[in-house]
Amino acid sequence: MKYTLLSFLLIGLLLLSKAAHAQESSSGGPIQYTEKVLDDQGETTVLYKRTVDWSENHFPYTPKATLKADAGKGEVRMTGTVKIKTTSTSGQTQEHPVIFEFNFHALPTGGYEYSVGFFRVILDTRKPDEMVSVEEYVTQLAMDKNNERTHNDRRVTAQSNSLASEIAMSFRSYMNSRPASGAVE
């Protein structure tokens, strides 16, 4: 009885550790943040105008470019710029500009959905049109012979995920701070 119980515990522990190891080593796909916010109080035009105000006056990720703004559909699509850092084997920090896309769509039923994603790294600032996706860049970093010392692949992945969350949090915080409609009694 004692050995049977011990065997089950050991097998369970081995299976659990194998599953945890598999999650750790799997690639997570594209780096992005997407959220759908239901808001029956928010009219499409008000949400659109609020998003345009955030993009024009409160968007800190510059330089930026508005690719598409359509008031009739309640859509805003724009790009912004952030920086990620890698480390050389000598410990020197190197910054790389990263372009990302922000997409907003006001829902006709009330509320909105938005996403932050499509991160692209500019490898050479003298050639800003030549970009690679962050996922491709992470793969390149992982194949680097010095990656065991620098861990740049994990560093860039963590920074990119953090930036996607930070951008989304900035937008969501702004949208949540809109003034209440109606009179307070």
N, C-alpha and C. Protein backbone atom coordinates (compact mmCIF):
# COMPACT_ATOMS: atom_id res chain seq x y z
N MET A 1 0.83 -1.19 0.00
CA MET A 1 0.00 0.00 0.00
C MET A 1 0.87 1.25 0.00
N LYS A 2 1.89 1.24 0.87
CA LYS A 2 2.78 2.39 0.98
C LYS A 2 3.53 2.61 -0.34
N TYR A 3 4.00 1.53 -0.96
CA TYR A 3 4.74 1.65 -2.22
C TYR A 3 3.83 2.04 -3.38
N THR A 4 2.57 1.61 -3.35
CA THR A 4 1.62 1.97 -4.39
C THR A 4 1.34 3.46 -4.36
N LEU A 5 1.11 3.98 -3.16
CA LEU A 5 0.86 5.41 -3.00
C LEU A 5 2.08 6.22 -3.42
N LEU A 6 3.24 5.77 -3.03
CA LEU A 6 4.48 6.45 -3.39
C LEU A 6 4.70 6.42 -4.91
N SER A 7 4.37 5.29 -5.54
CA SER A 7 4.51 5.17 -6.99
C SER A 7 3.59 6.16 -7.71
N PHE A 8 2.34 6.27 -7.25
CA PHE A 8 1.40 7.21 -7.87
C PHE A 8 1.88 8.66 -7.71
N LEU A 9 2.39 8.98 -6.55
CA LEU A 9 2.91 10.33 -6.33
C LEU A 9 4.11 10.63 -7.23
N LEU A 10 4.99 9.67 -7.37
CA LEU A 10 6.16 9.85 -8.22
C LEU A 10 5.77 10.00 -9.68
N ILE A 11 4.85 9.18 -10.15
CA ILE A 11 4.39 9.26 -11.54
C ILE A 11 3.70 10.61 -11.78
N GLY A 12 2.87 11.03 -10.85
CA GLY A 12 2.19 12.31 -10.97
C GLY A 12 3.18 13.46 -11.02
N LEU A 13 4.20 13.41 -10.18
CA LEU A 13 5.22 14.45 -10.16
C LEU A 13 5.99 14.49 -11.48
N LEU A 14 6.33 13.33 -12.02
CA LEU A 14 7.04 13.28 -13.30
C LEU A 14 6.18 13.83 -14.44
N LEU A 15 4.91 13.46 -14.47
CA LEU A 15 4.01 13.97 -15.51
C LEU A 15 3.83 15.47 -15.40
N LEU A 16 3.70 15.97 -14.18
CA LEU A 16 3.52 17.40 -13.96
C LEU A 16 4.76 18.17 -14.39
N SER A 17 5.94 17.68 -14.04
CA SER A 17 7.16 18.39 -14.41
C SER A 17 7.39 18.35 -15.91
N LYS A 18 7.01 17.26 -16.58
CA LYS A 18 7.14 17.17 -18.02
C LYS A 18 6.21 18.17 -18.71
N ALA A 19 4.97 18.31 -18.20
CA ALA A 19 4.02 19.26 -18.78
C ALA A 19 4.51 20.69 -18.57
N ALA A 20 5.05 20.99 -17.41
CA ALA A 20 5.56 22.33 -17.14
C ALA A 20 6.75 22.64 -18.04
N HIS A 21 7.62 21.66 -18.25
CA HIS A 21 8.77 21.86 -19.13
C HIS A 21 8.32 22.08 -20.57
N ALA A 22 7.29 21.39 -21.02
CA ALA A 22 6.79 21.56 -22.38
C ALA A 22 6.22 22.96 -22.58
N GLN A 23 5.54 23.50 -21.57
CA GLN A 23 5.00 24.85 -21.68
C GLN A 23 6.11 25.88 -21.75
N GLU A 24 7.15 25.66 -20.99
CA GLU A 24 8.25 26.61 -20.93
C GLU A 24 9.00 26.70 -22.25
N SER A 25 9.15 25.59 -22.95
CA SER A 25 9.97 25.59 -24.15
C SER A 25 9.19 25.83 -25.43
N SER A 26 7.86 25.89 -25.38
CA SER A 26 7.09 26.08 -26.60
C SER A 26 7.07 27.54 -27.00
N SER A 27 7.04 27.77 -28.32
CA SER A 27 6.96 29.15 -28.79
C SER A 27 5.51 29.60 -28.70
N GLY A 28 5.31 30.81 -28.25
CA GLY A 28 3.96 31.28 -27.96
C GLY A 28 3.24 31.92 -29.13
N GLY A 29 3.84 31.99 -30.30
CA GLY A 29 3.17 32.62 -31.42
C GLY A 29 3.45 34.11 -31.44
N PRO A 30 2.64 34.85 -32.19
CA PRO A 30 2.90 36.29 -32.32
C PRO A 30 2.66 37.03 -31.01
N ILE A 31 3.44 38.07 -30.81
CA ILE A 31 3.31 38.89 -29.61
C ILE A 31 2.23 39.93 -29.88
N GLN A 32 1.18 39.87 -29.08
CA GLN A 32 0.08 40.80 -29.26
C GLN A 32 -0.79 40.84 -28.01
N TYR A 33 -1.61 41.86 -27.94
CA TYR A 33 -2.58 41.99 -26.86
C TYR A 33 -3.89 42.40 -27.52
N THR A 34 -4.93 41.65 -27.25
CA THR A 34 -6.24 41.92 -27.82
C THR A 34 -7.26 41.89 -26.70
N GLU A 35 -8.20 42.84 -26.73
CA GLU A 35 -9.24 42.86 -25.71
C GLU A 35 -10.54 43.38 -26.32
N LYS A 36 -11.62 42.81 -25.88
CA LYS A 36 -12.96 43.25 -26.27
C LYS A 36 -13.63 43.76 -25.00
N VAL A 37 -14.07 45.01 -25.03
CA VAL A 37 -14.66 45.65 -23.86
C VAL A 37 -16.13 45.92 -24.16
N LEU A 38 -17.00 45.30 -23.41
CA LEU A 38 -18.43 45.53 -23.59
C LEU A 38 -18.84 46.73 -22.75
N ASP A 39 -19.53 47.66 -23.38
CA ASP A 39 -19.93 48.89 -22.71
C ASP A 39 -21.24 49.35 -23.33
N ASP A 40 -22.34 49.03 -22.69
CA ASP A 40 -23.64 49.39 -23.26
C ASP A 40 -23.93 50.89 -23.14
N GLN A 41 -23.13 51.61 -22.36
CA GLN A 41 -23.30 53.06 -22.21
C GLN A 41 -22.54 53.84 -23.28
N GLY A 42 -21.55 53.19 -23.88
CA GLY A 42 -20.69 53.89 -24.83
C GLY A 42 -21.22 53.86 -26.24
N GLU A 43 -21.52 55.04 -26.77
CA GLU A 43 -21.95 55.15 -28.14
C GLU A 43 -20.73 55.04 -29.05
N THR A 44 -20.94 54.53 -30.24
CA THR A 44 -19.86 54.33 -31.19
C THR A 44 -19.10 55.62 -31.48
N THR A 45 -19.81 56.71 -31.70
CA THR A 45 -19.14 57.97 -32.04
C THR A 45 -18.34 58.53 -30.86
N VAL A 46 -18.88 58.36 -29.65
CA VAL A 46 -18.17 58.86 -28.46
C VAL A 46 -16.90 58.05 -28.24
N LEU A 47 -16.98 56.73 -28.37
CA LEU A 47 -15.80 55.88 -28.20
C LEU A 47 -14.75 56.17 -29.28
N TYR A 48 -15.21 56.37 -30.49
CA TYR A 48 -14.30 56.70 -31.60
C TYR A 48 -13.59 58.03 -31.32
N LYS A 49 -14.34 59.06 -30.94
CA LYS A 49 -13.75 60.37 -30.66
C LYS A 49 -12.76 60.29 -29.49
N ARG A 50 -13.09 59.50 -28.51
CA ARG A 50 -12.20 59.34 -27.35
C ARG A 50 -10.89 58.67 -27.79
N THR A 51 -10.99 57.70 -28.66
CA THR A 51 -9.80 57.01 -29.17
C THR A 51 -8.95 57.95 -30.02
N VAL A 52 -9.59 58.74 -30.85
CA VAL A 52 -8.86 59.71 -31.66
C VAL A 52 -8.15 60.72 -30.75
N ASP A 53 -8.82 61.17 -29.68
CA ASP A 53 -8.21 62.09 -28.73
C ASP A 53 -6.98 61.45 -28.08
N TRP A 54 -7.10 60.17 -27.68
CA TRP A 54 -5.95 59.47 -27.07
C TRP A 54 -4.81 59.39 -28.07
N SER A 55 -5.14 59.05 -29.33
CA SER A 55 -4.07 58.88 -30.32
C SER A 55 -3.40 60.21 -30.68
N GLU A 56 -4.15 61.31 -30.66
CA GLU A 56 -3.57 62.60 -31.02
C GLU A 56 -2.90 63.31 -29.86
N ASN A 57 -3.43 63.15 -28.64
CA ASN A 57 -2.95 63.95 -27.51
C ASN A 57 -2.28 63.17 -26.38
N HIS A 58 -2.48 61.89 -26.31
CA HIS A 58 -1.97 61.14 -25.16
C HIS A 58 -1.16 59.91 -25.54
N PHE A 59 -0.88 59.71 -26.80
CA PHE A 59 -0.15 58.54 -27.29
C PHE A 59 1.34 58.80 -27.17
N PRO A 60 2.02 58.16 -26.22
CA PRO A 60 3.42 58.50 -25.96
C PRO A 60 4.43 57.75 -26.83
N TYR A 61 3.99 56.89 -27.73
CA TYR A 61 4.90 56.01 -28.46
C TYR A 61 5.21 56.60 -29.84
N THR A 62 6.07 57.62 -29.83
CA THR A 62 6.35 58.36 -31.05
C THR A 62 7.72 57.99 -31.60
N PRO A 63 8.00 58.16 -32.86
CA PRO A 63 7.11 58.72 -33.86
C PRO A 63 5.95 57.78 -34.17
N LYS A 64 4.85 58.38 -34.55
CA LYS A 64 3.64 57.61 -34.84
C LYS A 64 3.09 58.03 -36.19
N ALA A 65 2.21 57.20 -36.70
CA ALA A 65 1.54 57.51 -37.96
C ALA A 65 0.15 56.91 -37.91
N THR A 66 -0.86 57.70 -38.25
CA THR A 66 -2.22 57.18 -38.34
C THR A 66 -2.39 56.62 -39.74
N LEU A 67 -2.61 55.33 -39.81
CA LEU A 67 -2.77 54.69 -41.10
C LEU A 67 -4.20 54.80 -41.61
N LYS A 68 -5.14 54.71 -40.66
CA LYS A 68 -6.53 54.70 -41.08
C LYS A 68 -7.39 55.20 -39.93
N ALA A 69 -8.25 56.14 -40.21
CA ALA A 69 -9.24 56.60 -39.24
C ALA A 69 -10.56 56.76 -39.99
N ASP A 70 -11.55 56.00 -39.59
CA ASP A 70 -12.84 56.01 -40.27
C ASP A 70 -13.94 56.22 -39.24
N ALA A 71 -14.46 57.43 -39.18
CA ALA A 71 -15.49 57.76 -38.19
C ALA A 71 -16.78 56.98 -38.43
N GLY A 72 -17.11 56.74 -39.70
CA GLY A 72 -18.33 56.01 -40.03
C GLY A 72 -18.33 54.59 -39.49
N LYS A 73 -17.17 53.94 -39.55
CA LYS A 73 -17.05 52.56 -39.05
C LYS A 73 -16.58 52.52 -37.60
N GLY A 74 -16.12 53.66 -37.08
CA GLY A 74 -15.60 53.70 -35.72
C GLY A 74 -14.28 52.96 -35.60
N GLU A 75 -13.39 53.16 -36.57
CA GLU A 75 -12.11 52.44 -36.58
C GLU A 75 -10.94 53.40 -36.60
N VAL A 76 -9.90 53.02 -35.87
CA VAL A 76 -8.64 53.75 -35.88
C VAL A 76 -7.54 52.70 -35.98
N ARG A 77 -6.62 52.94 -36.89
CA ARG A 77 -5.46 52.06 -37.03
C ARG A 77 -4.24 52.95 -37.16
N MET A 78 -3.24 52.71 -36.30
CA MET A 78 -2.05 53.54 -36.35
C MET A 78 -0.83 52.74 -35.92
N THR A 79 0.32 53.29 -36.21
CA THR A 79 1.57 52.66 -35.80
C THR A 79 2.26 53.56 -34.78
N GLY A 80 3.05 52.94 -33.94
CA GLY A 80 3.85 53.66 -32.96
C GLY A 80 5.23 53.04 -32.90
N THR A 81 6.10 53.68 -32.17
CA THR A 81 7.48 53.22 -32.06
C THR A 81 7.88 53.07 -30.60
N VAL A 82 8.53 51.97 -30.29
CA VAL A 82 9.09 51.71 -28.97
C VAL A 82 10.53 51.22 -29.19
N LYS A 83 11.24 50.99 -28.12
CA LYS A 83 12.60 50.47 -28.23
C LYS A 83 12.74 49.24 -27.36
N ILE A 84 13.50 48.28 -27.86
CA ILE A 84 13.87 47.10 -27.08
C ILE A 84 15.39 47.11 -26.94
N LYS A 85 15.86 46.44 -25.91
CA LYS A 85 17.29 46.43 -25.63
C LYS A 85 17.83 45.01 -25.66
N THR A 86 19.00 44.88 -26.27
CA THR A 86 19.75 43.64 -26.22
C THR A 86 21.08 43.95 -25.55
N THR A 87 21.78 42.90 -25.18
CA THR A 87 23.07 43.06 -24.51
C THR A 87 24.13 42.30 -25.29
N SER A 88 25.28 42.93 -25.45
CA SER A 88 26.40 42.26 -26.10
C SER A 88 27.10 41.37 -25.07
N THR A 89 28.01 40.54 -25.54
CA THR A 89 28.74 39.67 -24.61
C THR A 89 29.61 40.46 -23.65
N SER A 90 29.97 41.69 -24.02
CA SER A 90 30.78 42.52 -23.12
C SER A 90 29.92 43.31 -22.13
N GLY A 91 28.59 43.16 -22.24
CA GLY A 91 27.70 43.83 -21.30
C GLY A 91 27.16 45.16 -21.78
N GLN A 92 27.49 45.56 -23.00
CA GLN A 92 27.00 46.81 -23.56
C GLN A 92 25.54 46.66 -24.00
N THR A 93 24.73 47.66 -23.66
CA THR A 93 23.31 47.65 -24.04
C THR A 93 23.15 48.28 -25.41
N GLN A 94 22.36 47.64 -26.25
CA GLN A 94 22.08 48.15 -27.59
C GLN A 94 20.57 48.30 -27.73
N GLU A 95 20.13 49.45 -28.22
CA GLU A 95 18.70 49.69 -28.41
C GLU A 95 18.33 49.50 -29.87
N HIS A 96 17.14 48.93 -30.08
CA HIS A 96 16.63 48.72 -31.43
C HIS A 96 15.21 49.27 -31.49
N PRO A 97 14.92 50.14 -32.47
CA PRO A 97 13.54 50.62 -32.60
C PRO A 97 12.62 49.50 -33.09
N VAL A 98 11.41 49.53 -32.57
CA VAL A 98 10.40 48.54 -32.93
C VAL A 98 9.12 49.28 -33.29
N ILE A 99 8.55 48.94 -34.43
CA ILE A 99 7.29 49.53 -34.90
C ILE A 99 6.18 48.55 -34.53
N PHE A 100 5.06 49.06 -34.04
CA PHE A 100 3.92 48.22 -33.71
C PHE A 100 2.65 48.85 -34.26
N GLU A 101 1.60 48.05 -34.33
CA GLU A 101 0.30 48.56 -34.78
C GLU A 101 -0.70 48.54 -33.64
N PHE A 102 -1.50 49.60 -33.59
CA PHE A 102 -2.61 49.69 -32.65
C PHE A 102 -3.88 49.77 -33.50
N ASN A 103 -4.84 48.89 -33.23
CA ASN A 103 -6.11 48.86 -33.96
C ASN A 103 -7.26 48.99 -32.98
N PHE A 104 -8.23 49.83 -33.32
CA PHE A 104 -9.41 50.06 -32.50
C PHE A 104 -10.63 49.92 -33.39
N HIS A 105 -11.66 49.31 -32.83
CA HIS A 105 -12.93 49.19 -33.55
C HIS A 105 -14.07 49.32 -32.55
N ALA A 106 -14.92 50.33 -32.75
CA ALA A 106 -16.11 50.49 -31.90
C ALA A 106 -17.16 49.48 -32.37
N LEU A 107 -17.74 48.78 -31.42
CA LEU A 107 -18.74 47.76 -31.75
C LEU A 107 -20.12 48.38 -31.88
N PRO A 108 -20.90 47.98 -32.86
CA PRO A 108 -22.24 48.56 -33.03
C PRO A 108 -23.19 48.22 -31.88
N THR A 109 -22.90 47.16 -31.14
CA THR A 109 -23.74 46.75 -30.02
C THR A 109 -23.35 47.43 -28.72
N GLY A 110 -22.35 48.28 -28.76
CA GLY A 110 -21.86 48.96 -27.56
C GLY A 110 -20.53 48.35 -27.14
N GLY A 111 -19.61 49.19 -26.85
CA GLY A 111 -18.28 48.73 -26.47
C GLY A 111 -17.32 48.85 -27.63
N TYR A 112 -16.16 48.23 -27.44
CA TYR A 112 -15.11 48.33 -28.45
C TYR A 112 -14.15 47.16 -28.29
N GLU A 113 -13.36 46.96 -29.31
CA GLU A 113 -12.27 46.01 -29.24
C GLU A 113 -11.02 46.69 -29.78
N TYR A 114 -9.90 46.31 -29.22
CA TYR A 114 -8.64 46.90 -29.66
C TYR A 114 -7.55 45.85 -29.57
N SER A 115 -6.49 46.09 -30.30
CA SER A 115 -5.36 45.17 -30.27
C SER A 115 -4.06 45.95 -30.46
N VAL A 116 -3.03 45.41 -29.86
CA VAL A 116 -1.68 45.92 -30.01
C VAL A 116 -0.86 44.74 -30.50
N GLY A 117 -0.19 44.91 -31.62
CA GLY A 117 0.57 43.79 -32.15
C GLY A 117 1.33 44.15 -33.40
N PHE A 118 1.69 43.12 -34.15
CA PHE A 118 2.46 43.24 -35.38
C PHE A 118 3.74 44.02 -35.12
N PHE A 119 4.50 43.58 -34.13
CA PHE A 119 5.77 44.21 -33.76
C PHE A 119 6.83 43.86 -34.81
N ARG A 120 7.54 44.89 -35.31
CA ARG A 120 8.58 44.70 -36.31
C ARG A 120 9.83 45.46 -35.85
N VAL A 121 10.98 44.79 -35.89
CA VAL A 121 12.25 45.36 -35.45
C VAL A 121 12.98 45.96 -36.64
N ILE A 122 13.48 47.18 -36.46
CA ILE A 122 14.34 47.81 -37.46
C ILE A 122 15.77 47.46 -37.07
N LEU A 123 16.40 46.62 -37.88
CA LEU A 123 17.74 46.13 -37.54
C LEU A 123 18.82 47.19 -37.77
N ASP A 124 18.65 48.00 -38.81
CA ASP A 124 19.63 49.03 -39.14
C ASP A 124 18.88 50.36 -39.29
N THR A 125 19.18 51.30 -38.42
CA THR A 125 18.46 52.58 -38.45
C THR A 125 18.74 53.38 -39.72
N ARG A 126 19.81 53.04 -40.45
CA ARG A 126 20.07 53.70 -41.72
C ARG A 126 19.15 53.17 -42.82
N LYS A 127 18.51 52.02 -42.57
CA LYS A 127 17.58 51.42 -43.53
C LYS A 127 16.26 51.14 -42.80
N PRO A 128 15.49 52.19 -42.48
CA PRO A 128 14.29 52.00 -41.67
C PRO A 128 13.17 51.20 -42.35
N ASP A 129 13.25 51.02 -43.65
CA ASP A 129 12.23 50.24 -44.34
C ASP A 129 12.48 48.73 -44.26
N GLU A 130 13.67 48.35 -43.86
CA GLU A 130 14.00 46.93 -43.74
C GLU A 130 13.73 46.48 -42.30
N MET A 131 12.65 45.72 -42.15
CA MET A 131 12.23 45.27 -40.82
C MET A 131 12.00 43.77 -40.83
N VAL A 132 12.09 43.18 -39.63
CA VAL A 132 11.72 41.77 -39.44
C VAL A 132 10.76 41.70 -38.27
N SER A 133 9.91 40.71 -38.27
CA SER A 133 8.98 40.55 -37.15
C SER A 133 9.77 40.23 -35.89
N VAL A 134 9.21 40.56 -34.75
CA VAL A 134 9.88 40.27 -33.48
C VAL A 134 10.10 38.78 -33.34
N GLU A 135 9.14 37.98 -33.77
CA GLU A 135 9.27 36.52 -33.66
C GLU A 135 10.46 36.02 -34.47
N GLU A 136 10.64 36.56 -35.68
CA GLU A 136 11.78 36.18 -36.51
C GLU A 136 13.08 36.66 -35.87
N TYR A 137 13.06 37.86 -35.30
CA TYR A 137 14.24 38.41 -34.64
C TYR A 137 14.63 37.56 -33.43
N VAL A 138 13.64 37.12 -32.66
CA VAL A 138 13.90 36.25 -31.50
C VAL A 138 14.53 34.94 -31.96
N THR A 139 14.05 34.39 -33.07
CA THR A 139 14.63 33.16 -33.62
C THR A 139 16.08 33.39 -34.02
N GLN A 140 16.38 34.53 -34.63
CA GLN A 140 17.76 34.86 -34.99
C GLN A 140 18.63 34.97 -33.75
N LEU A 141 18.10 35.61 -32.71
CA LEU A 141 18.87 35.76 -31.47
C LEU A 141 19.12 34.41 -30.81
N ALA A 142 18.13 33.53 -30.85
CA ALA A 142 18.28 32.21 -30.23
C ALA A 142 19.36 31.38 -30.92
N MET A 143 19.57 31.61 -32.21
CA MET A 143 20.59 30.85 -32.95
C MET A 143 21.99 31.45 -32.80
N ASP A 144 22.09 32.64 -32.21
CA ASP A 144 23.38 33.28 -32.02
C ASP A 144 24.24 32.44 -31.08
N LYS A 145 25.51 32.32 -31.39
CA LYS A 145 26.40 31.47 -30.59
C LYS A 145 26.60 32.00 -29.17
N ASN A 146 26.38 33.29 -28.95
CA ASN A 146 26.56 33.88 -27.62
C ASN A 146 25.26 33.96 -26.82
N ASN A 147 24.21 33.36 -27.30
CA ASN A 147 22.91 33.48 -26.63
C ASN A 147 22.91 32.84 -25.25
N GLU A 148 23.75 31.85 -25.03
CA GLU A 148 23.83 31.23 -23.69
C GLU A 148 24.29 32.24 -22.64
N ARG A 149 25.10 33.21 -23.05
CA ARG A 149 25.58 34.24 -22.12
C ARG A 149 24.65 35.44 -22.06
N THR A 150 24.09 35.85 -23.20
CA THR A 150 23.31 37.08 -23.25
C THR A 150 21.83 36.86 -22.99
N HIS A 151 21.31 35.71 -23.36
CA HIS A 151 19.87 35.40 -23.24
C HIS A 151 19.01 36.46 -23.91
N ASN A 152 19.51 36.99 -25.03
CA ASN A 152 18.78 38.05 -25.73
C ASN A 152 17.44 37.60 -26.27
N ASP A 153 17.32 36.32 -26.63
CA ASP A 153 16.04 35.84 -27.14
C ASP A 153 14.96 35.98 -26.08
N ARG A 154 15.26 35.57 -24.87
CA ARG A 154 14.28 35.70 -23.77
C ARG A 154 14.08 37.15 -23.37
N ARG A 155 15.15 37.91 -23.41
CA ARG A 155 15.09 39.33 -23.04
C ARG A 155 14.14 40.09 -23.99
N VAL A 156 14.29 39.87 -25.29
CA VAL A 156 13.47 40.56 -26.29
C VAL A 156 12.02 40.09 -26.20
N THR A 157 11.81 38.81 -26.01
CA THR A 157 10.44 38.29 -25.87
C THR A 157 9.75 38.91 -24.66
N ALA A 158 10.44 38.96 -23.54
CA ALA A 158 9.86 39.54 -22.32
C ALA A 158 9.57 41.03 -22.50
N GLN A 159 10.51 41.76 -23.10
CA GLN A 159 10.30 43.19 -23.32
C GLN A 159 9.12 43.44 -24.26
N SER A 160 9.02 42.65 -25.31
CA SER A 160 7.93 42.83 -26.29
C SER A 160 6.58 42.56 -25.65
N ASN A 161 6.48 41.48 -24.88
CA ASN A 161 5.23 41.19 -24.18
C ASN A 161 4.88 42.29 -23.20
N SER A 162 5.88 42.78 -22.48
CA SER A 162 5.66 43.85 -21.52
C SER A 162 5.20 45.13 -22.22
N LEU A 163 5.81 45.45 -23.35
CA LEU A 163 5.42 46.65 -24.09
C LEU A 163 4.00 46.54 -24.62
N ALA A 164 3.62 45.37 -25.12
CA ALA A 164 2.25 45.18 -25.61
C ALA A 164 1.25 45.42 -24.48
N SER A 165 1.55 44.88 -23.31
CA SER A 165 0.67 45.09 -22.15
C SER A 165 0.65 46.54 -21.71
N GLU A 166 1.81 47.19 -21.71
CA GLU A 166 1.90 48.59 -21.30
C GLU A 166 1.10 49.50 -22.23
N ILE A 167 1.20 49.28 -23.51
CA ILE A 167 0.46 50.09 -24.49
C ILE A 167 -1.04 49.88 -24.30
N ALA A 168 -1.43 48.63 -24.16
CA ALA A 168 -2.86 48.31 -23.96
C ALA A 168 -3.36 48.93 -22.66
N MET A 169 -2.56 48.86 -21.61
CA MET A 169 -2.96 49.42 -20.31
C MET A 169 -3.11 50.94 -20.39
N SER A 170 -2.22 51.58 -21.14
CA SER A 170 -2.31 53.03 -21.31
C SER A 170 -3.63 53.40 -21.99
N PHE A 171 -3.98 52.68 -23.05
CA PHE A 171 -5.22 52.96 -23.76
C PHE A 171 -6.43 52.66 -22.89
N ARG A 172 -6.44 51.50 -22.27
CA ARG A 172 -7.60 51.11 -21.45
C ARG A 172 -7.79 52.06 -20.28
N SER A 173 -6.71 52.48 -19.67
CA SER A 173 -6.79 53.43 -18.56
C SER A 173 -7.41 54.74 -19.02
N TYR A 174 -6.99 55.21 -20.19
CA TYR A 174 -7.56 56.44 -20.73
C TYR A 174 -9.04 56.27 -21.03
N MET A 175 -9.40 55.16 -21.62
CA MET A 175 -10.82 54.93 -21.94
C MET A 175 -11.66 54.80 -20.67
N ASN A 176 -11.12 54.23 -19.64
CA ASN A 176 -11.87 54.08 -18.38
C ASN A 176 -12.00 55.39 -17.62
N SER A 177 -11.18 56.36 -17.94
CA SER A 177 -11.21 57.64 -17.21
C SER A 177 -12.14 58.66 -17.85
N ARG A 178 -12.93 58.24 -18.81
CA ARG A 178 -13.82 59.21 -19.47
C ARG A 178 -14.87 59.70 -18.47
N PRO A 179 -15.29 60.93 -18.62
CA PRO A 179 -16.27 61.49 -17.69
C PRO A 179 -17.61 60.77 -17.81
N ALA A 180 -18.28 60.63 -16.70
CA ALA A 180 -19.60 59.99 -16.70
C ALA A 180 -20.60 60.90 -17.37
N SER A 181 -21.52 60.27 -18.10
CA SER A 181 -22.54 61.08 -18.75
C SER A 181 -23.72 61.26 -17.79
N GLY A 182 -24.39 62.37 -17.92
CA GLY A 182 -25.53 62.64 -17.06
C GLY A 182 -25.14 63.47 -15.87
N ALA A 183 -26.13 63.88 -15.12
CA ALA A 183 -25.91 64.74 -13.96
C ALA A 183 -25.76 63.89 -12.69
N VAL A 184 -24.96 64.37 -11.78
CA VAL A 184 -24.79 63.71 -10.49
C VAL A 184 -25.75 64.36 -9.51
N GLU A 185 -26.49 63.55 -8.80
CA GLU A 185 -27.46 64.09 -7.85
C GLU A 185 -27.03 63.82 -6.42
